[in-house]
C-alpha atoms as a PDB file:
ATOM      1  CA  UNK A   1      26.403  -9.541 -26.232  1.00  0.00           C
ATOM      2  CA  UNK A   2      28.228 -12.632 -25.556  1.00  0.00           C
ATOM      3  CA  UNK A   3      28.717 -12.165 -22.206  1.00  0.00           C
ATOM      4  CA  UNK A   4      24.842 -11.285 -21.796  1.00  0.00           C
ATOM      5  CA  UNK A   5      23.246 -13.874 -22.901  1.00  0.00           C
ATOM      6  CA  UNK A   6      25.405 -15.797 -20.973  1.00  0.00           C
ATOM      7  CA  UNK A   7      24.981 -14.336 -17.562  1.00  0.00           C
ATOM      8  CA  UNK A   8      22.541 -12.256 -17.794  1.00  0.00           C
ATOM      9  CA  UNK A   9      24.476  -9.110 -16.789  1.00  0.00           C
ATOM     10  CA  UNK A  10      23.304  -5.292 -18.391  1.00  0.00           C
ATOM     11  CA  UNK A  11      26.837  -4.221 -18.462  1.00  0.00           C
ATOM     12  CA  UNK A  12      27.414  -1.279 -21.327  1.00  0.00           C
ATOM     13  CA  UNK A  13      31.479  -0.049 -21.824  1.00  0.00           C
ATOM     14  CA  UNK A  14      29.867   3.701 -21.119  1.00  0.00           C
ATOM     15  CA  UNK A  15      30.397   2.368 -17.440  1.00  0.00           C
ATOM     16  CA  UNK A  16      32.468   3.604 -15.302  1.00  0.00           C
ATOM     17  CA  UNK A  17      33.879   0.609 -12.771  1.00  0.00           C
ATOM     18  CA  UNK A  18      36.294   0.722 -10.685  1.00  0.00           C
ATOM     19  CA  UNK A  19      39.711  -1.603 -10.465  1.00  0.00           C
ATOM     20  CA  UNK A  20      39.238  -4.578  -8.023  1.00  0.00           C
ATOM     21  CA  UNK A  21      35.180  -4.212  -8.337  1.00  0.00           C
ATOM     22  CA  UNK A  22      33.604  -8.144  -8.314  1.00  0.00           C
ATOM     23  CA  UNK A  23      30.850  -9.199 -10.123  1.00  0.00           C
ATOM     24  CA  UNK A  24      29.872 -12.132  -7.858  1.00  0.00           C
ATOM     25  CA  UNK A  25      28.685 -15.037 -10.035  1.00  0.00           C
ATOM     26  CA  UNK A  26      29.984 -13.704 -13.060  1.00  0.00           C
ATOM     27  CA  UNK A  27      26.852 -11.104 -12.692  1.00  0.00           C
ATOM     28  CA  UNK A  28      23.638 -12.796 -12.874  1.00  0.00           C
ATOM     29  CA  UNK A  29      21.057 -10.740 -13.233  1.00  0.00           C
ATOM     30  CA  UNK A  30      23.169  -7.255 -12.701  1.00  0.00           C
ATOM     31  CA  UNK A  31      22.091  -4.354 -14.355  1.00  0.00           C
ATOM     32  CA  UNK A  32      24.192  -1.495 -14.733  1.00  0.00           C
ATOM     33  CA  UNK A  33      23.475   2.448 -16.200  1.00  0.00           C
ATOM     34  CA  UNK A  34      25.553   3.348 -19.312  1.00  0.00           C
ATOM     35  CA  UNK A  35      26.458   7.346 -16.895  1.00  0.00           C
ATOM     36  CA  UNK A  36      26.718   4.863 -13.455  1.00  0.00           C
ATOM     37  CA  UNK A  37      30.033   5.248 -12.069  1.00  0.00           C
ATOM     38  CA  UNK A  38      31.550   2.593  -9.608  1.00  0.00           C
ATOM     39  CA  UNK A  39      34.738   2.568  -7.270  1.00  0.00           C
ATOM     40  CA  UNK A  40      37.307   0.240  -6.675  1.00  0.00           C
ATOM     41  CA  UNK A  41      36.810  -2.778  -4.960  1.00  0.00           C
ATOM     42  CA  UNK A  42      33.052  -2.961  -4.319  1.00  0.00           C
ATOM     43  CA  UNK A  43      31.323  -6.184  -4.535  1.00  0.00           C
ATOM     44  CA  UNK A  44      28.695  -6.557  -6.448  1.00  0.00           C
ATOM     45  CA  UNK A  45      25.959  -9.579  -6.112  1.00  0.00           C
ATOM     46  CA  UNK A  46      23.890 -11.260  -8.657  1.00  0.00           C
ATOM     47  CA  UNK A  47      20.201  -9.312  -9.105  1.00  0.00           C
ATOM     48  CA  UNK A  48      21.973  -5.472  -8.853  1.00  0.00           C
ATOM     49  CA  UNK A  49      20.450  -2.826 -10.413  1.00  0.00           C
ATOM     50  CA  UNK A  50      22.132   0.638 -10.313  1.00  0.00           C
ATOM     51  CA  UNK A  51      20.064   2.456 -12.546  1.00  0.00           C
ATOM     52  CA  UNK A  52      18.319   6.150 -13.231  1.00  0.00           C
ATOM     53  CA  UNK A  53      15.067   7.245 -12.261  1.00  0.00           C
ATOM     54  CA  UNK A  54      12.785   9.426 -14.228  1.00  0.00           C
ATOM     55  CA  UNK A  55      13.690  12.590 -15.934  1.00  0.00           C
ATOM     56  CA  UNK A  56      16.848  14.487 -14.710  1.00  0.00           C
ATOM     57  CA  UNK A  57      14.373  16.987 -12.875  1.00  0.00           C
ATOM     58  CA  UNK A  58      12.845  14.471 -10.916  1.00  0.00           C
ATOM     59  CA  UNK A  59      16.398  13.665  -9.121  1.00  0.00           C
ATOM     60  CA  UNK A  60      16.735  13.712  -5.793  1.00  0.00           C
ATOM     61  CA  UNK A  61      20.446  14.701  -5.783  1.00  0.00           C
ATOM     62  CA  UNK A  62      21.146  18.381  -4.951  1.00  0.00           C
ATOM     63  CA  UNK A  63      23.971  18.579  -8.613  1.00  0.00           C
ATOM     64  CA  UNK A  64      22.423  19.230 -11.792  1.00  0.00           C
ATOM     65  CA  UNK A  65      22.974  16.369 -14.107  1.00  0.00           C
ATOM     66  CA  UNK A  66      23.243  13.649 -12.181  1.00  0.00           C
ATOM     67  CA  UNK A  67      21.068  10.894 -14.132  1.00  0.00           C
ATOM     68  CA  UNK A  68      22.690   7.535 -12.403  1.00  0.00           C
ATOM     69  CA  UNK A  69      24.667   6.921  -9.428  1.00  0.00           C
ATOM     70  CA  UNK A  70      27.836   7.338  -8.129  1.00  0.00           C
ATOM     71  CA  UNK A  71      29.090   4.346  -5.858  1.00  0.00           C
ATOM     72  CA  UNK A  72      32.308   5.090  -3.784  1.00  0.00           C
ATOM     73  CA  UNK A  73      35.558   2.700  -3.213  1.00  0.00           C
ATOM     74  CA  UNK A  74      35.047  -1.087  -0.976  1.00  0.00           C
ATOM     75  CA  UNK A  75      31.084  -0.454  -0.886  1.00  0.00           C
ATOM     76  CA  UNK A  76      28.870  -3.838  -1.059  1.00  0.00           C
ATOM     77  CA  UNK A  77      26.217  -4.282  -3.214  1.00  0.00           C
ATOM     78  CA  UNK A  78      23.970  -7.655  -1.856  1.00  0.00           C
ATOM     79  CA  UNK A  79      21.770  -9.703  -3.853  1.00  0.00           C
ATOM     80  CA  UNK A  80      18.749  -7.980  -5.170  1.00  0.00           C
ATOM     81  CA  UNK A  81      19.508  -4.639  -3.932  1.00  0.00           C
ATOM     82  CA  UNK A  82      18.635  -1.550  -6.090  1.00  0.00           C
ATOM     83  CA  UNK A  83      20.190   1.723  -5.951  1.00  0.00           C
ATOM     84  CA  UNK A  84      18.490   4.299  -8.105  1.00  0.00           C
ATOM     85  CA  UNK A  85      19.006   8.000  -9.623  1.00  0.00           C
ATOM     86  CA  UNK A  86      21.298  10.634  -9.430  1.00  0.00           C
ATOM     87  CA  UNK A  87      22.716   9.407  -5.724  1.00  0.00           C
ATOM     88  CA  UNK A  88      25.704   8.991  -4.215  1.00  0.00           C
ATOM     89  CA  UNK A  89      26.619   6.216  -2.035  1.00  0.00           C
ATOM     90  CA  UNK A  90      30.193   7.008   0.456  1.00  0.00           C
ATOM     91  CA  UNK A  91      32.752   4.502   0.698  1.00  0.00           C
ATOM     92  CA  UNK A  92      32.493   1.698   2.715  1.00  0.00           C
ATOM     93  CA  UNK A  93      28.460   1.539   2.937  1.00  0.00           C
ATOM     94  CA  UNK A  94      26.862  -1.826   2.891  1.00  0.00           C
ATOM     95  CA  UNK A  95      23.792  -2.120   1.044  1.00  0.00           C
ATOM     96  CA  UNK A  96      21.431  -4.895   2.565  1.00  0.00           C
ATOM     97  CA  UNK A  97      19.877  -7.557   0.325  1.00  0.00           C
ATOM     98  CA  UNK A  98      16.648  -5.797  -1.579  1.00  0.00           C
ATOM     99  CA  UNK A  99      17.335  -2.587  -0.398  1.00  0.00           C
ATOM    100  CA  UNK A 100      16.256  -0.065  -2.459  1.00  0.00           C
ATOM    101  CA  UNK A 101      17.817   3.160  -2.109  1.00  0.00           C
ATOM    102  CA  UNK A 102      16.969   6.571  -4.081  1.00  0.00           C
ATOM    103  CA  UNK A 103      19.124   8.790  -1.476  1.00  0.00           C
ATOM    104  CA  UNK A 104      22.260   9.885  -0.493  1.00  0.00           C
ATOM    105  CA  UNK A 105      24.128   6.779   1.390  1.00  0.00           C
ATOM    106  CA  UNK A 106      26.583   8.708   4.119  1.00  0.00           C
ATOM    107  CA  UNK A 107      30.141   6.300   3.829  1.00  0.00           C
ATOM    108  CA  UNK A 108      30.189   3.734   6.025  1.00  0.00           C
ATOM    109  CA  UNK A 109      26.162   3.384   6.766  1.00  0.00           C
ATOM    110  CA  UNK A 110      24.459   0.298   6.191  1.00  0.00           C
ATOM    111  CA  UNK A 111      21.042   0.328   4.872  1.00  0.00           C
ATOM    112  CA  UNK A 112      18.972  -2.359   5.015  1.00  0.00           C
ATOM    113  CA  UNK A 113      15.157  -2.612   3.793  1.00  0.00           C
ATOM    114  CA  UNK A 114      12.722  -1.637   0.819  1.00  0.00           C
ATOM    115  CA  UNK A 115      13.288   2.374   0.775  1.00  0.00           C
ATOM    116  CA  UNK A 116      16.675   2.432   2.331  1.00  0.00           C
ATOM    117  CA  UNK A 117      16.547   2.539   5.864  1.00  0.00           C
ATOM    118  CA  UNK A 118      19.755   3.979   7.332  1.00  0.00           C
ATOM    119  CA  UNK A 119      21.618   1.424  10.535  1.00  0.00           C
ATOM    120  CA  UNK A 120      24.388   3.376  12.418  1.00  0.00           C
END
């Protein structure tokens, strides 16, 4: 609770966060869903939201029961990005500033813009 008051971050203890993952600027404004899984060596910048999206039946993922994002290893979540719903973000992906991601992201892809356009 003290950390949430000081930094404004909400990272529940039930969220799985890998080793060497860093929250930029102490996690200022970061919100992570209680069921989210974040891999190793990720960078999470200020204002990032990793959260659910509606009920289980609304999820874009084909996996039944996946309600929060699963973020792979070596993923960069830049300032203000939103990763929503039961989706998977592949290893080495870059989620750009203020991007909104509601579909799976393949490994190594860069995603930008309001509804997450993939750049090759």
